[in-house]
PDB file of all heavy atoms in Angstrom:
ATOM      1  N   ILE A   1      -0.925  -4.798   0.509  1.00  0.00           N
ATOM      2  CA  ILE A   1      -1.249  -3.948  -0.646  1.00  0.00           C
ATOM      3  C   ILE A   1      -1.968  -4.750  -1.715  1.00  0.00           C
ATOM      4  O   ILE A   1      -2.997  -4.314  -2.259  1.00  0.00           O
ATOM      5  CB  ILE A   1       0.040  -3.296  -1.213  1.00  0.00           C
ATOM      6  CG1 ILE A   1       0.615  -2.280  -0.215  1.00  0.00           C
ATOM      7  CG2 ILE A   1      -0.260  -2.592  -2.539  1.00  0.00           C
ATOM      8  CD1 ILE A   1       1.973  -1.734  -0.605  1.00  0.00           C
ATOM      9  N   ILE A   2      -1.426  -5.946  -2.017  1.00  0.00           N
ATOM     10  CA  ILE A   2      -2.036  -6.796  -3.044  1.00  0.00           C
ATOM     11  C   ILE A   2      -3.431  -7.257  -2.617  1.00  0.00           C
ATOM     12  O   ILE A   2      -4.377  -7.256  -3.418  1.00  0.00           O
ATOM     13  CB  ILE A   2      -1.133  -8.016  -3.333  1.00  0.00           C
ATOM     14  CG1 ILE A   2       0.211  -7.533  -3.932  1.00  0.00           C
ATOM     15  CG2 ILE A   2      -1.825  -8.992  -4.274  1.00  0.00           C
ATOM     16  CD1 ILE A   2       1.258  -8.603  -4.030  1.00  0.00           C
ATOM     17  N   LYS A   3      -3.564  -7.631  -1.346  1.00  0.00           N
ATOM     18  CA  LYS A   3      -4.844  -8.122  -0.839  1.00  0.00           C
ATOM     19  C   LYS A   3      -5.930  -7.040  -0.917  1.00  0.00           C
ATOM     20  O   LYS A   3      -7.102  -7.334  -1.216  1.00  0.00           O
ATOM     21  CB  LYS A   3      -4.682  -8.592   0.606  1.00  0.00           C
ATOM     22  CG  LYS A   3      -5.972  -9.130   1.224  1.00  0.00           C
ATOM     23  CD  LYS A   3      -5.758  -9.511   2.680  1.00  0.00           C
ATOM     24  CE  LYS A   3      -7.090  -9.962   3.303  1.00  0.00           C
ATOM     25  NZ  LYS A   3      -6.941 -10.287   4.737  1.00  0.00           N
ATOM     26  N   ASN A   4      -5.540  -5.778  -0.661  1.00  0.00           N
ATOM     27  CA  ASN A   4      -6.522  -4.685  -0.601  1.00  0.00           C
ATOM     28  C   ASN A   4      -6.483  -3.809  -1.849  1.00  0.00           C
ATOM     29  O   ASN A   4      -6.840  -2.632  -1.798  1.00  0.00           O
ATOM     30  CB  ASN A   4      -6.275  -3.832   0.640  1.00  0.00           C
ATOM     31  CG  ASN A   4      -6.505  -4.592   1.927  1.00  0.00           C
ATOM     32  OD1 ASN A   4      -7.638  -4.861   2.300  1.00  0.00           O
ATOM     33  ND2 ASN A   4      -5.414  -4.965   2.597  1.00  0.00           N
ATOM     34  N   ILE A   5      -6.072  -4.380  -2.954  1.00  0.00           N
ATOM     35  CA  ILE A   5      -5.913  -3.606  -4.190  1.00  0.00           C
ATOM     36  C   ILE A   5      -7.234  -2.985  -4.657  1.00  0.00           C
ATOM     37  O   ILE A   5      -7.253  -1.959  -5.330  1.00  0.00           O
ATOM     38  CB  ILE A   5      -5.291  -4.502  -5.284  1.00  0.00           C
ATOM     39  CG1 ILE A   5      -4.686  -3.615  -6.397  1.00  0.00           C
ATOM     40  CG2 ILE A   5      -6.322  -5.476  -5.865  1.00  0.00           C
ATOM     41  CD1 ILE A   5      -3.811  -4.385  -7.363  1.00  0.00           C
ATOM     42  N   ALA A   6      -8.344  -3.602  -4.274  1.00  0.00           N
ATOM     43  CA  ALA A   6      -9.664  -3.098  -4.673  1.00  0.00           C
ATOM     44  C   ALA A   6     -10.329  -2.288  -3.563  1.00  0.00           C
ATOM     45  O   ALA A   6     -11.501  -1.920  -3.674  1.00  0.00           O
ATOM     46  CB  ALA A   6     -10.569  -4.257  -5.080  1.00  0.00           C
ATOM     47  N   ASP A   7      -9.580  -2.030  -2.489  1.00  0.00           N
ATOM     48  CA  ASP A   7     -10.132  -1.289  -1.347  1.00  0.00           C
ATOM     49  C   ASP A   7      -9.344   0.015  -1.153  1.00  0.00           C
ATOM     50  O   ASP A   7      -8.325   0.033  -0.451  1.00  0.00           O
ATOM     51  CB  ASP A   7     -10.054  -2.143  -0.078  1.00  0.00           C
ATOM     52  CG  ASP A   7     -10.780  -1.511   1.109  1.00  0.00           C
ATOM     53  OD1 ASP A   7     -11.134  -0.311   1.008  1.00  0.00           O
ATOM     54  OD2 ASP A   7     -10.965  -2.187   2.128  1.00  0.00           O
ATOM     55  N   PRO A   8      -9.773   1.113  -1.790  1.00  0.00           N
ATOM     56  CA  PRO A   8      -9.013   2.383  -1.723  1.00  0.00           C
ATOM     57  C   PRO A   8      -8.856   2.921  -0.304  1.00  0.00           C
ATOM     58  O   PRO A   8      -7.836   3.510   0.035  1.00  0.00           O
ATOM     59  CB  PRO A   8      -9.829   3.339  -2.596  1.00  0.00           C
ATOM     60  CG  PRO A   8     -11.181   2.724  -2.715  1.00  0.00           C
ATOM     61  CD  PRO A   8     -10.990   1.247  -2.618  1.00  0.00           C
ATOM     62  N   ASN A   9      -9.876   2.705   0.530  1.00  0.00           N
ATOM     63  CA  ASN A   9      -9.827   3.199   1.904  1.00  0.00           C
ATOM     64  C   ASN A   9      -8.713   2.516   2.700  1.00  0.00           C
ATOM     65  O   ASN A   9      -7.952   3.162   3.427  1.00  0.00           O
ATOM     66  CB  ASN A   9     -11.181   2.964   2.590  1.00  0.00           C
ATOM     67  CG  ASN A   9     -11.220   3.582   3.977  1.00  0.00           C
ATOM     68  OD1 ASN A   9     -11.105   4.797   4.136  1.00  0.00           O
ATOM     69  ND2 ASN A   9     -11.362   2.755   4.992  1.00  0.00           N
ATOM     70  N   GLU A  10      -8.581   1.190   2.528  1.00  0.00           N
ATOM     71  CA  GLU A  10      -7.552   0.431   3.242  1.00  0.00           C
ATOM     72  C   GLU A  10      -6.157   0.769   2.726  1.00  0.00           C
ATOM     73  O   GLU A  10      -5.198   0.868   3.502  1.00  0.00           O
ATOM     74  CB  GLU A  10      -7.825  -1.071   3.101  1.00  0.00           C
ATOM     75  CG  GLU A  10      -6.894  -1.972   3.897  1.00  0.00           C
ATOM     76  CD  GLU A  10      -6.988  -1.759   5.403  1.00  0.00           C
ATOM     77  OE1 GLU A  10      -8.024  -1.239   5.885  1.00  0.00           O
ATOM     78  OE2 GLU A  10      -6.007  -2.104   6.106  1.00  0.00           O
ATOM     79  N   LEU A  11      -6.041   0.967   1.405  1.00  0.00           N
ATOM     80  CA  LEU A  11      -4.742   1.357   0.837  1.00  0.00           C
ATOM     81  C   LEU A  11      -4.290   2.719   1.394  1.00  0.00           C
ATOM     82  O   LEU A  11      -3.121   2.908   1.722  1.00  0.00           O
ATOM     83  CB  LEU A  11      -4.840   1.435  -0.689  1.00  0.00           C
ATOM     84  CG  LEU A  11      -4.871   0.107  -1.447  1.00  0.00           C
ATOM     85  CD1 LEU A  11      -5.042   0.359  -2.942  1.00  0.00           C
ATOM     86  CD2 LEU A  11      -3.600  -0.708  -1.203  1.00  0.00           C
ATOM     87  N   GLU A  12      -5.235   3.642   1.496  1.00  0.00           N
ATOM     88  CA  GLU A  12      -4.915   4.964   2.046  1.00  0.00           C
ATOM     89  C   GLU A  12      -4.480   4.846   3.503  1.00  0.00           C
ATOM     90  O   GLU A  12      -3.547   5.521   3.953  1.00  0.00           O
ATOM     91  CB  GLU A  12      -6.129   5.890   1.919  1.00  0.00           C
ATOM     92  CG  GLU A  12      -5.891   7.316   2.371  1.00  0.00           C
ATOM     93  CD  GLU A  12      -4.898   8.078   1.500  1.00  0.00           C
ATOM     94  OE1 GLU A  12      -4.764   7.736   0.306  1.00  0.00           O
ATOM     95  OE2 GLU A  12      -4.255   9.004   2.025  1.00  0.00           O
ATOM     96  N   ARG A  13      -5.173   3.968   4.253  1.00  0.00           N
ATOM     97  CA  ARG A  13      -4.827   3.777   5.665  1.00  0.00           C
ATOM     98  C   ARG A  13      -3.425   3.191   5.812  1.00  0.00           C
ATOM     99  O   ARG A  13      -2.636   3.638   6.654  1.00  0.00           O
ATOM    100  CB  ARG A  13      -5.844   2.839   6.326  1.00  0.00           C
ATOM    101  CG  ARG A  13      -5.683   2.724   7.845  1.00  0.00           C
ATOM    102  CD  ARG A  13      -6.588   1.658   8.422  1.00  0.00           C
ATOM    103  NE  ARG A  13      -6.213   0.334   7.956  1.00  0.00           N
ATOM    104  CZ  ARG A  13      -5.180  -0.361   8.455  1.00  0.00           C
ATOM    105  NH1 ARG A  13      -4.427   0.153   9.410  1.00  0.00           N
ATOM    106  NH2 ARG A  13      -4.901  -1.558   7.977  1.00  0.00           N
ATOM    107  N   LEU A  14      -3.086   2.219   4.967  1.00  0.00           N
ATOM    108  CA  LEU A  14      -1.747   1.620   4.998  1.00  0.00           C
ATOM    109  C   LEU A  14      -0.672   2.668   4.679  1.00  0.00           C
ATOM    110  O   LEU A  14       0.388   2.697   5.302  1.00  0.00           O
ATOM    111  CB  LEU A  14      -1.664   0.467   3.988  1.00  0.00           C
ATOM    112  CG  LEU A  14      -2.442  -0.803   4.326  1.00  0.00           C
ATOM    113  CD1 LEU A  14      -2.466  -1.741   3.120  1.00  0.00           C
ATOM    114  CD2 LEU A  14      -1.806  -1.514   5.522  1.00  0.00           C
ATOM    115  N   PHE A  15      -0.957   3.503   3.706  1.00  0.00           N
ATOM    116  CA  PHE A  15      -0.001   4.543   3.327  1.00  0.00           C
ATOM    117  C   PHE A  15       0.225   5.529   4.468  1.00  0.00           C
ATOM    118  O   PHE A  15       1.360   5.899   4.770  1.00  0.00           O
ATOM    119  CB  PHE A  15      -0.517   5.277   2.084  1.00  0.00           C
ATOM    120  CG  PHE A  15       0.299   6.488   1.731  1.00  0.00           C
ATOM    121  CD1 PHE A  15       1.572   6.360   1.182  1.00  0.00           C
ATOM    122  CD2 PHE A  15      -0.200   7.771   1.949  1.00  0.00           C
ATOM    123  CE1 PHE A  15       2.327   7.481   0.862  1.00  0.00           C
ATOM    124  CE2 PHE A  15       0.545   8.883   1.635  1.00  0.00           C
ATOM    125  CZ  PHE A  15       1.815   8.738   1.090  1.00  0.00           C
ATOM    126  N   ARG A  16      -0.850   5.948   5.129  1.00  0.00           N
ATOM    127  CA  ARG A  16      -0.733   6.939   6.201  1.00  0.00           C
ATOM    128  C   ARG A  16      -0.060   6.370   7.443  1.00  0.00           C
ATOM    129  O   ARG A  16       0.571   7.101   8.191  1.00  0.00           O
ATOM    130  CB  ARG A  16      -2.115   7.490   6.559  1.00  0.00           C
ATOM    131  CG  ARG A  16      -2.716   8.305   5.428  1.00  0.00           C
ATOM    132  CD  ARG A  16      -3.950   9.051   5.857  1.00  0.00           C
ATOM    133  NE  ARG A  16      -4.509   9.804   4.751  1.00  0.00           N
ATOM    134  CZ  ARG A  16      -4.994  11.028   4.837  1.00  0.00           C
ATOM    135  NH1 ARG A  16      -4.959  11.649   5.989  1.00  0.00           N
ATOM    136  NH2 ARG A  16      -5.498  11.638   3.791  1.00  0.00           N
ATOM    137  N   GLU A  17      -0.201   5.071   7.672  1.00  0.00           N
ATOM    138  CA  GLU A  17       0.438   4.445   8.834  1.00  0.00           C
ATOM    139  C   GLU A  17       1.952   4.507   8.736  1.00  0.00           C
ATOM    140  O   GLU A  17       2.641   4.803   9.710  1.00  0.00           O
ATOM    141  CB  GLU A  17      -0.013   2.983   8.963  1.00  0.00           C
ATOM    142  CG  GLU A  17      -1.355   2.818   9.654  1.00  0.00           C
ATOM    143  CD  GLU A  17      -1.703   1.347   9.849  1.00  0.00           C
ATOM    144  OE1 GLU A  17      -0.950   0.470   9.365  1.00  0.00           O
ATOM    145  OE2 GLU A  17      -2.740   1.073  10.483  1.00  0.00           O
ATOM    146  N   ASP A  18       2.483   4.221   7.547  1.00  0.00           N
ATOM    147  CA  ASP A  18       3.937   4.247   7.360  1.00  0.00           C
ATOM    148  C   ASP A  18       4.252   4.521   5.892  1.00  0.00           C
ATOM    149  O   ASP A  18       4.427   3.593   5.095  1.00  0.00           O
ATOM    150  CB  ASP A  18       4.548   2.909   7.799  1.00  0.00           C
ATOM    151  CG  ASP A  18       6.067   2.988   7.932  1.00  0.00           C
ATOM    152  OD1 ASP A  18       6.655   3.952   7.397  1.00  0.00           O
ATOM    153  OD2 ASP A  18       6.652   2.099   8.568  1.00  0.00           O
ATOM    154  N   PRO A  19       4.311   5.801   5.505  1.00  0.00           N
ATOM    155  CA  PRO A  19       4.528   6.141   4.086  1.00  0.00           C
ATOM    156  C   PRO A  19       5.810   5.544   3.497  1.00  0.00           C
ATOM    157  O   PRO A  19       5.807   5.097   2.342  1.00  0.00           O
ATOM    158  CB  PRO A  19       4.596   7.674   4.106  1.00  0.00           C
ATOM    159  CG  PRO A  19       3.831   8.072   5.324  1.00  0.00           C
ATOM    160  CD  PRO A  19       4.088   7.000   6.322  1.00  0.00           C
ATOM    161  N   LYS A  20       6.901   5.528   4.286  1.00  0.00           N
ATOM    162  CA  LYS A  20       8.174   4.996   3.767  1.00  0.00           C
ATOM    163  C   LYS A  20       8.086   3.510   3.474  1.00  0.00           C
ATOM    164  O   LYS A  20       8.519   3.032   2.415  1.00  0.00           O
ATOM    165  CB  LYS A  20       9.299   5.279   4.766  1.00  0.00           C
ATOM    166  CG  LYS A  20       9.722   6.731   4.808  1.00  0.00           C
ATOM    167  CD  LYS A  20      10.927   6.926   5.724  1.00  0.00           C
ATOM    168  CE  LYS A  20      11.368   8.387   5.733  1.00  0.00           C
ATOM    169  NZ  LYS A  20      12.529   8.601   6.635  1.00  0.00           N
ATOM    170  N   ALA A  21       7.531   2.758   4.430  1.00  0.00           N
ATOM    171  CA  ALA A  21       7.395   1.303   4.238  1.00  0.00           C
ATOM    172  C   ALA A  21       6.438   1.001   3.090  1.00  0.00           C
ATOM    173  O   ALA A  21       6.670   0.070   2.296  1.00  0.00           O
ATOM    174  CB  ALA A  21       6.889   0.661   5.528  1.00  0.00           C
ATOM    175  N   PHE A  22       5.390   1.780   2.967  1.00  0.00           N
ATOM    176  CA  PHE A  22       4.410   1.585   1.888  1.00  0.00           C
ATOM    177  C   PHE A  22       5.079   1.801   0.534  1.00  0.00           C
ATOM    178  O   PHE A  22       4.894   1.006  -0.399  1.00  0.00           O
ATOM    179  CB  PHE A  22       3.247   2.565   2.069  1.00  0.00           C
ATOM    180  CG  PHE A  22       2.140   2.399   1.061  1.00  0.00           C
ATOM    181  CD1 PHE A  22       1.051   1.598   1.339  1.00  0.00           C
ATOM    182  CD2 PHE A  22       2.186   3.051  -0.169  1.00  0.00           C
ATOM    183  CE1 PHE A  22       0.020   1.440   0.419  1.00  0.00           C
ATOM    184  CE2 PHE A  22       1.173   2.907  -1.097  1.00  0.00           C
ATOM    185  CZ  PHE A  22       0.080   2.094  -0.805  1.00  0.00           C
ATOM    186  N   LYS A  23       5.861   2.866   0.429  1.00  0.00           N
ATOM    187  CA  LYS A  23       6.513   3.179  -0.847  1.00  0.00           C
ATOM    188  C   LYS A  23       7.529   2.107  -1.230  1.00  0.00           C
ATOM    189  O   LYS A  23       7.660   1.746  -2.408  1.00  0.00           O
ATOM    190  CB  LYS A  23       7.198   4.546  -0.741  1.00  0.00           C
ATOM    191  CG  LYS A  23       7.608   5.136  -2.077  1.00  0.00           C
ATOM    192  CD  LYS A  23       8.066   6.570  -1.916  1.00  0.00           C
ATOM    193  CE  LYS A  23       8.424   7.178  -3.269  1.00  0.00           C
ATOM    194  NZ  LYS A  23       8.839   8.583  -3.139  1.00  0.00           N
ATOM    195  N   LYS A  24       8.220   1.598  -0.213  1.00  0.00           N
ATOM    196  CA  LYS A  24       9.220   0.560  -0.468  1.00  0.00           C
ATOM    197  C   LYS A  24       8.558  -0.729  -0.930  1.00  0.00           C
ATOM    198  O   LYS A  24       9.013  -1.393  -1.873  1.00  0.00           O
ATOM    199  CB  LYS A  24      10.032   0.316   0.805  1.00  0.00           C
ATOM    200  CG  LYS A  24      11.214  -0.617   0.613  1.00  0.00           C
ATOM    201  CD  LYS A  24      12.017  -0.717   1.905  1.00  0.00           C
ATOM    202  CE  LYS A  24      13.210  -1.654   1.705  1.00  0.00           C
ATOM    203  NZ  LYS A  24      13.990  -1.800   2.953  1.00  0.00           N
ATOM    204  N   ALA A  25       7.463  -1.136  -0.268  1.00  0.00           N
ATOM    205  CA  ALA A  25       6.769  -2.390  -0.614  1.00  0.00           C
ATOM    206  C   ALA A  25       5.968  -2.250  -1.899  1.00  0.00           C
ATOM    207  O   ALA A  25       5.692  -3.243  -2.583  1.00  0.00           O
ATOM    208  CB  ALA A  25       5.855  -2.796   0.532  1.00  0.00           C
ATOM    209  N   PHE A  26       5.605  -1.002  -2.243  1.00  0.00           N
ATOM    210  CA  PHE A  26       4.746  -0.777  -3.399  1.00  0.00           C
ATOM    211  C   PHE A  26       5.394  -1.264  -4.693  1.00  0.00           C
ATOM    212  O   PHE A  26       4.719  -1.824  -5.572  1.00  0.00           O
ATOM    213  CB  PHE A  26       4.410   0.713  -3.512  1.00  0.00           C
ATOM    214  CG  PHE A  26       3.584   1.056  -4.718  1.00  0.00           C
ATOM    215  CD1 PHE A  26       2.214   0.860  -4.698  1.00  0.00           C
ATOM    216  CD2 PHE A  26       4.175   1.546  -5.874  1.00  0.00           C
ATOM    217  CE1 PHE A  26       1.445   1.151  -5.815  1.00  0.00           C
ATOM    218  CE2 PHE A  26       3.411   1.840  -6.986  1.00  0.00           C
ATOM    219  CZ  PHE A  26       2.046   1.650  -6.962  1.00  0.00           C
ATOM    220  N   SER A  27       6.704  -1.039  -4.829  1.00  0.00           N
ATOM    221  CA  SER A  27       7.383  -1.440  -6.066  1.00  0.00           C
ATOM    222  C   SER A  27       7.276  -2.946  -6.294  1.00  0.00           C
ATOM    223  O   SER A  27       7.098  -3.401  -7.427  1.00  0.00           O
ATOM    224  CB  SER A  27       8.853  -1.003  -6.034  1.00  0.00           C
ATOM    225  OG  SER A  27       9.496  -1.542  -4.896  1.00  0.00           O
ATOM    226  N   HIS A  28       7.363  -3.724  -5.206  1.00  0.00           N
ATOM    227  CA  HIS A  28       7.221  -5.182  -5.338  1.00  0.00           C
ATOM    228  C   HIS A  28       5.802  -5.549  -5.726  1.00  0.00           C
ATOM    229  O   HIS A  28       5.588  -6.443  -6.567  1.00  0.00           O
ATOM    230  CB  HIS A  28       7.594  -5.862  -4.013  1.00  0.00           C
ATOM    231  CG  HIS A  28       9.006  -5.609  -3.592  1.00  0.00           C
ATOM    232  ND1 HIS A  28      10.093  -6.067  -4.317  1.00  0.00           N
ATOM    233  CD2 HIS A  28       9.518  -4.936  -2.524  1.00  0.00           C
ATOM    234  CE1 HIS A  28      11.212  -5.690  -3.711  1.00  0.00           C
ATOM    235  NE2 HIS A  28      10.886  -5.000  -2.615  1.00  0.00           N
ATOM    236  N   ALA A  29       4.831  -4.873  -5.150  1.00  0.00           N
ATOM    237  CA  ALA A  29       3.433  -5.147  -5.487  1.00  0.00           C
ATOM    238  C   ALA A  29       3.144  -4.805  -6.944  1.00  0.00           C
ATOM    239  O   ALA A  29       2.407  -5.526  -7.637  1.00  0.00           O
ATOM    240  CB  ALA A  29       2.517  -4.355  -4.572  1.00  0.00           C
ATOM    241  N   LEU A  30       3.765  -3.712  -7.454  1.00  0.00           N
ATOM    242  CA  LEU A  30       3.552  -3.308  -8.841  1.00  0.00           C
ATOM    243  C   LEU A  30       4.179  -4.308  -9.810  1.00  0.00           C
ATOM    244  O   LEU A  30       3.628  -4.577 -10.886  1.00  0.00           O
ATOM    245  CB  LEU A  30       4.138  -1.905  -9.063  1.00  0.00           C
ATOM    246  CG  LEU A  30       3.880  -1.267 -10.432  1.00  0.00           C
ATOM    247  CD1 LEU A  30       2.387  -1.090 -10.680  1.00  0.00           C
ATOM    248  CD2 LEU A  30       4.595   0.072 -10.545  1.00  0.00           C
ATOM    249  N   GLU A  31       5.356  -4.869  -9.429  1.00  0.00           N
ATOM    250  CA  GLU A  31       5.996  -5.881 -10.270  1.00  0.00           C
ATOM    251  C   GLU A  31       5.111  -7.113 -10.432  1.00  0.00           C
ATOM    252  O   GLU A  31       5.066  -7.734 -11.508  1.00  0.00           O
ATOM    253  CB  GLU A  31       7.345  -6.290  -9.653  1.00  0.00           C
ATOM    254  CG  GLU A  31       8.430  -5.237  -9.807  1.00  0.00           C
ATOM    255  CD  GLU A  31       9.705  -5.619  -9.075  1.00  0.00           C
ATOM    256  OE1 GLU A  31       9.765  -6.758  -8.549  1.00  0.00           O
ATOM    257  OE2 GLU A  31      10.614  -4.781  -9.013  1.00  0.00           O
TER     258      GLU A  31
END
């Protein structure tokens, strides 16, 4: 998530692959 913060297409792909895992990891990336 952090690596692709400037790549909206890749972020969307990561989210669609596993929404639960993305949401869980997102809080750490936001911190």
